[in-house]
Amino acid sequence: MNDKAQYDVVVVGGGIAGMIAANRAAQLNLRPIVLEQGTGAKYLCNTRYTGGTFHICLREITLDEETLRQKILESTAGFVKPELAQVIAREGRRVIRWLQDEGMRFMRASASEYHKWVLAPPGRSRPGLDWEGRCGDVLLRTLEGHLDSRGGEIVRGARARTLIMDNGRCVGVVAQRNGTETPYYARAVFVADGGFQGDAELVGRYISRRPERLKQRGAGTGRGDGMKMASAVGAALVGMDRFYGHTLSKDALTNDNLWPYPYLDSLVTAGIVVDANGQRFVDEGRGGVYVANAVAQLDDPLSAHVILDSAIWEKAGRNGLIPANPHLEREGAAIHRADTLDALASAAHLPADALKRTISEYNDAIAGKRLQSGYTPSRQTARYDACPIAKAPFHALPMCAGITYTMGGISVDAHAQALRADGSPIEGLYALGGAAGGLEGGPEVGYVGGLAKGGVTALVAAEHVAATSSK
């Protein structure tokens, strides 16, 4: 028991996970306070920028539990522990119902099951950022209003720095605000400040040797503070080398109309991606998130191009709510076009012989049905068709990796309790949403869903504290 406790729960971070957790705690007669590093009324975070799609592994979030559990295990190649896959699969639908009870509206954004549960008003309807008054912004403002009416607090401009421990139990956090450090004592601390995508040192350590050559595809406010604090008191970190993001035009680094949309994934998964030597280095059929991770790992993450022909540009290029064709060109992205591969290589500054050989081998592998056997890197076709590159004009698009959030973080159990390396929980310490690791990623860079894992971990953590606070 923490006799100094001023609060039942201190929540570090005011994104979707933190605000759901604080409100759920208040509903359960706990006293929560949220420490948010942002200072403005509409402080920036990834939730503010979200497109609002609630899904699990690109499947409908309300599907039956076993189907979703198996999909999580399959998508992450078994990286996610079965008990964690089960809690995400079981509780995902409850996040939707809970948000509806809080007054949030959902809509179907497309015929795809992936878009069945999308926050309204819908998110991006055009290239570039488009968030004010839309789904994530409305969500955070709504939840903040409810938190206030329930007696909870939110302190802006408060950056958590260290955890307060007492005999192995977390009993609070020290936060810095306006140059002053203040301790906040509580029965539990929820680390919900997102990933570490905004910390160049950590990204350089775990994700890419050249972090400055990645594009922040989100708010960039996740600086890994919670992970650093938790690690310092013995929490294990897991899955730190993977991130959720998409492939973007290289020009997104200097043109704000080219991020977070349109992205290049539909082109990448239909054509090929080559490095500075004109050679393939990744299985494009594994999807845009996987390819973005591979691009980030190159010695020069800005050296890659996606190569395609006019047939791919006119068909796959038009897929998606904000398709690459025509939006990339309209917004000023560089697109090299040529009637011959020699001319294309010259325009893109790629070695012509190597590029022609790469394309010839690719086309031959398609024709000979050898994409999964005797072709390196092999190319999956279960999710995306591999399309030949044969019809002029040919296209080469300089690209970059857009990082939205890091998938790794603090190891947790099914109650979102932080775990030590030996698997024992650190009493009083929880990790939610993007701060929690082991919920997605793995060798396949399996994307489970940021909003889903944020909502689920928030609910189970608040309920676990409520159930155990009187014991």
Protein backbone atom coordinates (compact mmCIF):
# COMPACT_ATOMS: atom_id res chain seq x y z
CA MET A 1 0.00 0.00 0.00
CA ASN A 2 1.24 3.49 -0.88
CA ASP A 3 0.43 5.79 2.05
CA LYS A 4 1.71 8.87 0.19
CA ALA A 5 -0.64 8.37 -2.73
CA GLN A 6 -2.27 11.57 -3.94
CA TYR A 7 -4.00 9.70 -6.76
CA ASP A 8 -5.03 6.19 -7.55
CA VAL A 9 -3.53 6.37 -11.05
CA VAL A 10 -0.98 8.66 -12.68
CA VAL A 11 -1.19 8.40 -16.46
CA VAL A 12 1.85 9.48 -18.46
CA GLY A 13 0.58 10.65 -21.85
CA GLY A 14 -2.71 12.02 -23.13
CA GLY A 15 -3.21 10.07 -26.34
CA ILE A 16 -5.91 7.48 -26.94
CA ALA A 17 -4.48 4.94 -24.49
CA GLY A 18 -3.93 7.46 -21.72
CA MET A 19 -7.30 9.17 -22.06
CA ILE A 20 -9.28 5.93 -22.24
CA ALA A 21 -7.39 4.58 -19.23
CA ALA A 22 -7.97 7.73 -17.19
CA ASN A 23 -11.68 7.79 -17.97
CA ARG A 24 -12.13 4.09 -17.30
CA ALA A 25 -10.32 4.50 -13.98
CA ALA A 26 -12.63 7.37 -13.06
CA GLN A 27 -15.66 5.26 -13.97
CA LEU A 28 -14.38 2.67 -11.50
CA ASN A 29 -14.19 5.23 -8.69
CA LEU A 30 -10.45 5.71 -8.94
CA ARG A 31 -8.84 9.15 -8.94
CA PRO A 32 -6.71 9.65 -12.08
CA ILE A 33 -4.39 12.40 -13.25
CA VAL A 34 -2.93 12.64 -16.75
CA LEU A 35 0.52 14.16 -17.29
CA GLU A 36 0.79 15.36 -20.89
CA GLN A 37 4.02 16.81 -22.23
CA GLY A 38 2.20 18.92 -24.85
CA THR A 39 1.24 22.44 -23.86
CA GLY A 40 -1.53 23.51 -26.21
CA ALA A 41 -5.26 22.91 -25.96
CA LYS A 42 -4.88 20.65 -29.01
CA TYR A 43 -1.50 19.18 -28.06
CA LEU A 44 -0.06 17.09 -30.84
CA CYS A 45 0.24 13.32 -30.63
CA ASN A 46 -0.36 10.45 -33.03
CA THR A 47 -3.96 10.12 -31.89
CA ARG A 48 -4.61 13.69 -33.01
CA TYR A 49 -3.36 12.74 -36.50
CA THR A 50 -5.03 9.34 -36.78
CA GLY A 51 -7.20 8.29 -39.69
CA GLY A 52 -9.40 6.62 -37.09
CA THR A 53 -9.55 3.04 -38.37
CA PHE A 54 -10.09 0.44 -35.66
CA HIS A 55 -9.03 -2.99 -36.92
CA ILE A 56 -6.99 -5.99 -35.86
CA CYS A 57 -4.41 -7.08 -38.42
CA LEU A 58 -6.47 -5.33 -41.13
CA ARG A 59 -9.47 -7.49 -40.22
CA GLU A 60 -12.76 -6.31 -38.76
CA ILE A 61 -12.23 -5.69 -35.05
CA THR A 62 -15.56 -7.29 -34.05
CA LEU A 63 -14.89 -10.67 -35.65
CA ASP A 64 -14.96 -13.71 -33.39
CA GLU A 65 -12.18 -13.97 -30.85
CA GLU A 66 -10.55 -17.13 -32.19
CA THR A 67 -10.33 -15.82 -35.76
CA LEU A 68 -8.63 -12.65 -34.58
CA ARG A 69 -6.33 -14.47 -32.18
CA GLN A 70 -5.10 -16.75 -34.94
CA LYS A 71 -4.68 -13.77 -37.28
CA ILE A 72 -2.48 -11.98 -34.73
CA LEU A 73 -0.30 -15.06 -34.24
CA GLU A 74 -0.07 -15.61 -38.00
CA SER A 75 0.68 -11.97 -38.87
CA THR A 76 3.45 -11.74 -36.29
CA ALA A 77 4.83 -15.25 -36.99
CA GLY A 78 4.21 -16.20 -33.37
CA PHE A 79 6.10 -13.22 -31.95
CA VAL A 80 3.09 -12.09 -29.92
CA LYS A 81 2.53 -14.37 -26.92
CA PRO A 82 -0.74 -16.34 -27.09
CA GLU A 83 -2.13 -14.72 -23.93
CA LEU A 84 -1.52 -11.23 -25.36
CA ALA A 85 -3.03 -12.17 -28.71
CA GLN A 86 -6.06 -13.47 -26.86
CA VAL A 87 -6.66 -10.31 -24.84
CA ILE A 88 -6.40 -8.09 -27.94
CA ALA A 89 -8.74 -10.40 -29.87
CA ARG A 90 -11.22 -10.63 -27.00
CA GLU A 91 -11.34 -7.01 -25.90
CA GLY A 92 -11.12 -5.20 -29.24
CA ARG A 93 -14.86 -5.19 -29.78
CA ARG A 94 -15.36 -3.85 -26.26
CA VAL A 95 -13.23 -0.82 -27.09
CA ILE A 96 -15.70 0.02 -29.87
CA ARG A 97 -18.71 -0.32 -27.55
CA TRP A 98 -17.02 1.68 -24.80
CA LEU A 99 -16.22 4.53 -27.17
CA GLN A 100 -19.78 4.49 -28.49
CA ASP A 101 -21.04 4.79 -24.93
CA GLU A 102 -18.72 7.80 -24.55
CA GLY A 103 -20.47 9.45 -27.49
CA MET A 104 -18.08 8.62 -30.31
CA ARG A 105 -19.55 7.86 -33.71
CA PHE A 106 -18.26 5.35 -36.23
CA MET A 107 -18.75 5.03 -39.97
CA ARG A 108 -17.83 2.64 -42.75
CA ALA A 109 -15.20 4.33 -44.91
CA SER A 110 -15.09 1.77 -47.74
CA ALA A 111 -16.31 -1.68 -48.73
CA SER A 112 -13.22 -3.24 -47.15
CA GLU A 113 -13.73 -4.94 -43.79
CA TYR A 114 -10.64 -3.00 -42.67
CA HIS A 115 -12.70 0.19 -42.94
CA LYS A 116 -15.87 -1.01 -41.20
CA TRP A 117 -15.14 0.80 -37.91
CA VAL A 118 -13.74 4.27 -38.63
CA LEU A 119 -14.17 7.21 -36.28
CA ALA A 120 -16.41 10.00 -37.52
CA PRO A 121 -16.01 12.66 -38.72
CA PRO A 122 -13.63 10.76 -41.00
CA GLY A 123 -9.94 11.48 -41.16
CA ARG A 124 -7.90 12.41 -44.18
CA SER A 125 -9.88 13.16 -47.30
CA ARG A 126 -6.97 14.72 -49.20
CA PRO A 127 -3.18 14.50 -49.34
CA GLY A 128 -1.23 15.92 -46.44
CA LEU A 129 -2.40 16.52 -42.88
CA ASP A 130 -6.10 17.03 -42.27
CA TRP A 131 -6.91 16.46 -38.60
CA GLU A 132 -8.54 19.47 -36.97
CA GLY A 133 -12.17 18.79 -36.11
CA ARG A 134 -11.85 15.24 -37.33
CA CYS A 135 -11.79 11.80 -35.76
CA GLY A 136 -8.73 11.78 -33.49
CA ASP A 137 -9.10 15.42 -32.54
CA VAL A 138 -12.77 14.93 -31.67
CA LEU A 139 -11.93 11.77 -29.72
CA LEU A 140 -9.37 13.49 -27.50
CA ARG A 141 -11.51 16.56 -26.88
CA THR A 142 -14.51 14.36 -26.04
CA LEU A 143 -12.55 12.19 -23.62
CA GLU A 144 -10.96 15.21 -21.96
CA GLY A 145 -14.42 16.67 -21.37
CA HIS A 146 -15.60 13.43 -19.81
CA LEU A 147 -12.50 13.19 -17.64
CA ASP A 148 -13.12 16.66 -16.29
CA SER A 149 -16.76 15.86 -15.53
CA ARG A 150 -15.65 12.71 -13.68
CA GLY A 151 -13.27 14.59 -11.43
CA GLY A 152 -10.07 13.58 -13.19
CA GLU A 153 -7.24 15.96 -13.99
CA ILE A 154 -4.94 16.64 -16.92
CA VAL A 155 -1.74 18.64 -16.50
CA ARG A 156 -0.24 20.00 -19.71
CA GLY A 157 3.44 20.74 -20.20
CA ALA A 158 4.41 17.98 -17.74
CA ARG A 159 7.15 15.66 -18.99
CA ALA A 160 7.70 12.55 -16.90
CA ARG A 161 11.36 12.00 -16.03
CA THR A 162 11.74 9.25 -13.40
CA LEU A 163 9.65 6.64 -11.66
CA ILE A 164 9.40 6.59 -7.88
CA MET A 165 10.00 3.14 -6.42
CA ASP A 166 9.47 1.70 -2.94
CA ASN A 167 10.69 -1.84 -2.23
CA GLY A 168 10.32 -2.88 -5.86
CA ARG A 169 6.91 -1.31 -6.31
CA CYS A 170 6.20 1.73 -8.48
CA VAL A 171 4.52 4.38 -6.32
CA GLY A 172 4.67 7.45 -8.50
CA VAL A 173 6.50 9.53 -11.06
CA VAL A 174 8.52 12.74 -11.07
CA ALA A 175 7.54 15.15 -13.84
CA GLN A 176 9.20 18.33 -15.03
CA ARG A 177 7.04 21.37 -15.74
CA ASN A 178 8.17 24.94 -16.28
CA GLY A 179 11.63 24.02 -15.04
CA THR A 180 10.35 22.53 -11.79
CA GLU A 181 10.30 18.85 -10.88
CA THR A 182 7.22 17.63 -9.04
CA PRO A 183 6.55 14.15 -7.62
CA TYR A 184 3.13 12.61 -8.22
CA TYR A 185 2.41 9.69 -5.91
CA ALA A 186 -0.13 7.05 -6.86
CA ARG A 187 -1.15 3.45 -6.37
CA ALA A 188 -0.29 2.81 -10.03
CA VAL A 189 1.52 4.51 -12.89
CA PHE A 190 0.36 4.01 -16.48
CA VAL A 191 3.09 4.67 -19.04
CA ALA A 192 1.12 5.74 -22.12
CA ASP A 193 3.42 8.21 -23.86
CA GLY A 194 3.73 6.30 -27.13
CA GLY A 195 6.79 4.86 -28.79
CA PHE A 196 10.28 6.25 -29.35
CA GLN A 197 9.99 7.35 -32.98
CA GLY A 198 10.72 10.95 -32.00
CA ASP A 199 14.04 10.15 -30.33
CA ALA A 200 16.82 10.06 -32.94
CA GLU A 201 19.25 8.32 -30.60
CA LEU A 202 16.88 5.43 -29.89
CA VAL A 203 15.79 5.16 -33.53
CA GLY A 204 19.46 5.06 -34.49
CA ARG A 205 20.13 2.35 -31.91
CA TYR A 206 17.25 0.06 -32.82
CA ILE A 207 15.68 0.95 -36.20
CA SER A 208 18.04 2.63 -38.67
CA ARG A 209 21.67 3.68 -38.84
CA ARG A 210 20.50 6.91 -40.46
CA PRO A 211 17.46 8.09 -38.47
CA GLU A 212 17.68 11.56 -39.98
CA ARG A 213 16.85 10.00 -43.36
CA LEU A 214 13.49 8.64 -42.21
CA LYS A 215 10.30 10.68 -42.46
CA GLN A 216 8.27 11.20 -39.30
CA ARG A 217 4.84 10.12 -40.53
CA GLY A 218 3.14 11.05 -37.26
CA ALA A 219 3.40 13.77 -34.67
CA GLY A 220 6.93 12.74 -33.69
CA THR A 221 6.11 13.35 -30.03
CA GLY A 222 6.90 9.83 -28.83
CA ARG A 223 10.36 10.22 -27.33
CA GLY A 224 10.58 6.97 -25.39
CA ASP A 225 10.54 8.66 -21.99
CA GLY A 226 8.34 5.98 -20.46
CA MET A 227 10.47 3.16 -21.84
CA LYS A 228 13.63 4.74 -20.48
CA MET A 229 12.06 5.21 -17.04
CA ALA A 230 10.69 1.68 -16.97
CA SER A 231 13.94 0.14 -18.15
CA ALA A 232 15.80 2.02 -15.42
CA VAL A 233 13.70 0.26 -12.76
CA GLY A 234 14.08 -3.21 -14.25
CA ALA A 235 11.39 -3.53 -16.91
CA ALA A 236 12.27 -5.60 -19.96
CA LEU A 237 12.06 -4.09 -23.44
CA VAL A 238 10.95 -6.26 -26.36
CA GLY A 239 10.62 -6.03 -30.14
CA MET A 240 12.47 -2.74 -30.39
CA ASP A 241 13.66 -3.16 -34.00
CA ARG A 242 10.29 -2.86 -35.76
CA PHE A 243 7.98 0.03 -36.56
CA TYR A 244 4.62 0.75 -38.13
CA GLY A 245 4.83 3.07 -41.11
CA HIS A 246 4.50 3.23 -44.88
CA THR A 247 6.59 3.87 -47.96
CA LEU A 248 6.49 7.51 -49.06
CA SER A 249 7.84 9.66 -51.84
CA LYS A 250 11.32 10.90 -50.99
CA ASP A 251 9.92 14.39 -51.49
CA ALA A 252 7.78 13.94 -48.37
CA LEU A 253 10.88 15.03 -46.47
CA THR A 254 10.41 18.56 -47.82
CA ASN A 255 6.80 18.64 -49.05
CA ASP A 256 4.11 18.44 -46.37
CA ASN A 257 1.43 17.60 -48.95
CA LEU A 258 3.07 14.20 -49.45
CA TRP A 259 2.60 12.80 -45.95
CA PRO A 260 1.01 10.99 -44.24
CA TYR A 261 -0.82 10.36 -47.52
CA PRO A 262 -0.51 9.48 -50.35
CA TYR A 263 1.84 6.61 -49.75
CA LEU A 264 3.53 4.29 -52.24
CA ASP A 265 2.47 0.92 -50.85
CA SER A 266 0.14 0.00 -53.72
CA LEU A 267 2.98 0.61 -56.19
CA VAL A 268 5.56 -1.16 -54.04
CA THR A 269 3.46 -4.32 -53.71
CA ALA A 270 2.77 -4.49 -57.46
CA GLY A 271 6.23 -3.61 -58.80
CA ILE A 272 9.74 -3.90 -57.39
CA VAL A 273 11.92 -1.89 -55.01
CA VAL A 274 15.61 -1.49 -55.80
CA ASP A 275 18.60 -0.04 -53.97
CA ALA A 276 21.31 2.28 -55.30
CA ASN A 277 22.83 -0.68 -57.16
CA GLY A 278 19.62 -1.33 -59.08
CA GLN A 279 19.01 -4.58 -57.21
CA ARG A 280 16.06 -5.89 -55.24
CA PHE A 281 16.68 -6.30 -51.51
CA VAL A 282 13.25 -7.06 -50.05
CA ASP A 283 10.14 -9.19 -50.60
CA GLU A 284 7.68 -6.56 -51.80
CA GLY A 285 4.80 -9.01 -51.46
CA ARG A 286 4.98 -8.80 -47.67
CA GLY A 287 3.41 -5.35 -47.77
CA GLY A 288 4.25 -1.71 -47.36
CA VAL A 289 4.92 -1.84 -43.61
CA TYR A 290 7.47 -4.63 -44.10
CA VAL A 291 9.11 -2.81 -47.01
CA ALA A 292 9.29 0.47 -45.07
CA ASN A 293 11.22 -1.35 -42.34
CA ALA A 294 13.61 -2.82 -44.91
CA VAL A 295 14.20 0.58 -46.52
CA ALA A 296 14.98 2.07 -43.10
CA GLN A 297 17.65 -0.58 -42.58
CA LEU A 298 19.59 0.31 -45.75
CA ASP A 299 22.96 1.99 -45.34
CA ASP A 300 21.29 4.94 -47.05
CA PRO A 301 17.51 4.85 -46.52
CA LEU A 302 17.09 7.49 -49.25
CA SER A 303 18.72 5.37 -51.96
CA ALA A 304 15.69 3.21 -52.82
CA HIS A 305 13.35 3.51 -55.80
CA VAL A 306 10.11 1.75 -56.64
CA ILE A 307 10.12 0.59 -60.27
CA LEU A 308 6.95 -0.05 -62.27
CA ASP A 309 5.41 0.26 -65.69
CA SER A 310 2.43 2.17 -67.05
CA ALA A 311 0.06 -0.75 -66.45
CA ILE A 312 0.90 -0.81 -62.74
CA TRP A 313 0.61 2.97 -62.54
CA GLU A 314 -2.85 2.93 -64.10
CA LYS A 315 -4.20 -0.03 -62.11
CA ALA A 316 -2.51 -0.57 -58.73
CA GLY A 317 -1.62 3.10 -58.62
CA ARG A 318 -5.29 4.00 -58.34
CA ASN A 319 -5.97 1.78 -55.32
CA GLY A 320 -6.76 3.28 -51.93
CA LEU A 321 -8.78 6.17 -50.54
CA ILE A 322 -6.03 8.65 -51.49
CA PRO A 323 -4.31 6.82 -54.35
CA ALA A 324 -0.78 7.44 -55.54
CA ASN A 325 -2.17 8.08 -59.02
CA PRO A 326 -3.00 10.95 -59.47
CA HIS A 327 -2.19 12.51 -56.09
CA LEU A 328 1.59 12.05 -56.08
CA GLU A 329 2.06 14.00 -59.27
CA ARG A 330 -0.52 16.62 -58.36
CA GLU A 331 1.31 17.33 -55.11
CA GLY A 332 4.75 17.59 -56.67
CA ALA A 333 6.38 14.20 -56.08
CA ALA A 334 9.28 13.30 -58.33
CA ILE A 335 8.35 10.62 -60.87
CA HIS A 336 10.88 9.58 -63.50
CA ARG A 337 9.34 8.29 -66.72
CA ALA A 338 11.00 6.92 -69.83
CA ASP A 339 10.17 4.80 -72.86
CA THR A 340 13.27 2.63 -72.37
CA LEU A 341 14.89 1.13 -69.31
CA ASP A 342 18.23 2.69 -70.24
CA ALA A 343 16.65 6.13 -70.22
CA LEU A 344 14.83 5.37 -66.97
CA ALA A 345 18.06 4.31 -65.29
CA SER A 346 19.75 7.49 -66.47
CA ALA A 347 16.94 9.68 -65.14
CA ALA A 348 16.96 7.92 -61.76
CA HIS A 349 20.79 7.75 -61.55
CA LEU A 350 20.73 3.97 -61.34
CA PRO A 351 23.18 1.58 -63.08
CA ALA A 352 21.43 0.64 -66.32
CA ASP A 353 22.81 -2.88 -66.76
CA ALA A 354 21.98 -3.88 -63.19
CA LEU A 355 18.48 -2.40 -63.37
CA LYS A 356 17.71 -4.12 -66.68
CA ARG A 357 19.00 -7.43 -65.30
CA THR A 358 16.89 -7.05 -62.14
CA ILE A 359 13.74 -6.35 -64.16
CA SER A 360 14.46 -9.19 -66.60
CA GLU A 361 14.94 -11.68 -63.75
CA TYR A 362 11.75 -10.46 -62.11
CA ASN A 363 9.69 -10.78 -65.28
CA ASP A 364 11.16 -14.23 -65.95
CA ALA A 365 10.32 -15.37 -62.41
CA ILE A 366 6.72 -14.28 -62.90
CA ALA A 367 6.46 -16.04 -66.26
CA GLY A 368 8.11 -19.18 -64.93
CA LYS A 369 6.15 -19.14 -61.68
CA ARG A 370 9.42 -19.15 -59.73
CA LEU A 371 8.83 -16.20 -57.41
CA GLN A 372 8.94 -18.41 -54.30
CA SER A 373 11.60 -20.85 -55.50
CA GLY A 374 15.01 -20.07 -56.94
CA TYR A 375 14.39 -16.33 -56.95
CA THR A 376 16.18 -14.07 -54.46
CA PRO A 377 14.77 -12.33 -52.53
CA SER A 378 11.69 -14.51 -52.93
CA ARG A 379 8.41 -12.78 -53.61
CA GLN A 380 5.14 -13.66 -51.87
CA THR A 381 1.94 -13.42 -53.89
CA ALA A 382 -0.66 -14.51 -51.33
CA ARG A 383 -1.69 -10.91 -50.55
CA TYR A 384 -0.53 -8.98 -53.61
CA ASP A 385 -0.05 -9.96 -57.23
CA ALA A 386 3.41 -9.46 -58.68
CA CYS A 387 2.89 -7.57 -61.92
CA PRO A 388 5.36 -7.69 -64.82
CA ILE A 389 7.25 -4.54 -65.74
CA ALA A 390 6.83 -4.56 -69.51
CA LYS A 391 4.71 -1.68 -70.79
CA ALA A 392 6.29 1.69 -71.48
CA PRO A 393 6.54 4.30 -70.25
CA PHE A 394 8.45 2.89 -67.31
CA HIS A 395 8.42 4.66 -63.94
CA ALA A 396 10.95 5.13 -61.13
CA LEU A 397 9.95 6.92 -57.94
CA PRO A 398 12.54 7.94 -55.34
CA MET A 399 11.21 6.82 -51.97
CA CYS A 400 11.74 6.95 -48.24
CA ALA A 401 10.50 5.13 -45.15
CA GLY A 402 7.78 6.93 -43.21
CA ILE A 403 7.79 5.98 -39.52
CA THR A 404 4.49 6.46 -37.69
CA TYR A 405 5.23 4.67 -34.42
CA THR A 406 7.66 2.11 -33.09
CA MET A 407 6.24 -1.33 -32.31
CA GLY A 408 8.64 -2.28 -29.53
CA GLY A 409 8.45 -1.24 -25.93
CA ILE A 410 7.94 -2.36 -22.36
CA SER A 411 7.19 -6.06 -21.94
CA VAL A 412 3.68 -6.55 -20.51
CA ASP A 413 1.31 -9.28 -19.38
CA ALA A 414 -2.39 -9.63 -20.22
CA HIS A 415 -3.25 -6.92 -17.66
CA ALA A 416 -0.72 -4.52 -19.23
CA GLN A 417 1.52 -4.84 -16.16
CA ALA A 418 5.18 -4.12 -16.88
CA LEU A 419 7.36 -7.22 -16.66
CA ARG A 420 10.96 -7.82 -15.69
CA ALA A 421 13.22 -9.99 -17.83
CA ASP A 422 12.31 -13.01 -15.67
CA GLY A 423 8.61 -12.47 -16.39
CA SER A 424 7.67 -11.17 -12.95
CA PRO A 425 5.46 -8.06 -12.84
CA ILE A 426 6.65 -4.76 -11.44
CA GLU A 427 3.86 -3.93 -9.04
CA GLY A 428 2.18 -0.62 -9.70
CA LEU A 429 3.66 -0.14 -13.18
CA TYR A 430 1.71 -0.59 -16.42
CA ALA A 431 2.50 0.10 -20.08
CA LEU A 432 -0.24 1.01 -22.54
CA GLY A 433 -0.56 1.47 -26.28
CA GLY A 434 2.60 2.42 -28.12
CA ALA A 435 4.68 2.25 -24.94
CA ALA A 436 3.97 -1.48 -24.62
CA GLY A 437 6.01 -4.03 -26.54
CA GLY A 438 5.28 -7.57 -27.63
CA LEU A 439 1.86 -6.75 -29.08
CA GLU A 440 2.88 -6.54 -32.74
CA GLY A 441 5.97 -6.75 -34.94
CA GLY A 442 8.25 -9.77 -35.03
CA PRO A 443 10.05 -11.16 -38.10
CA GLU A 444 7.08 -10.41 -40.36
CA VAL A 445 6.65 -6.89 -38.94
CA GLY A 446 3.06 -7.87 -38.22
CA TYR A 447 0.83 -4.81 -37.94
CA VAL A 448 -1.88 -5.49 -35.35
CA GLY A 449 -3.27 -1.95 -35.05
CA GLY A 450 -2.28 1.02 -32.93
CA LEU A 451 -5.77 2.18 -31.98
CA ALA A 452 -6.89 -1.33 -31.05
CA LYS A 453 -3.90 -2.08 -28.83
CA GLY A 454 -4.13 1.38 -27.25
CA GLY A 455 -7.78 0.93 -26.36
CA VAL A 456 -7.46 -2.64 -25.13
CA THR A 457 -4.44 -2.06 -22.90
CA ALA A 458 -6.12 1.03 -21.46
CA LEU A 459 -9.27 -0.81 -20.43
CA VAL A 460 -7.56 -3.87 -18.98
CA ALA A 461 -5.03 -1.81 -17.02
CA ALA A 462 -7.64 0.43 -15.41
CA GLU A 463 -9.80 -2.54 -14.54
CA HIS A 464 -6.89 -4.47 -13.07
CA VAL A 465 -5.96 -1.57 -10.79
CA ALA A 466 -9.58 -1.23 -9.68
CA ALA A 467 -9.84 -4.94 -8.98
CA THR A 468 -6.63 -5.07 -6.95
CA SER A 469 -6.49 -1.65 -5.28
CA SER A 470 -8.38 -2.76 -2.19
CA LYS A 471 -6.43 -5.98 -1.68
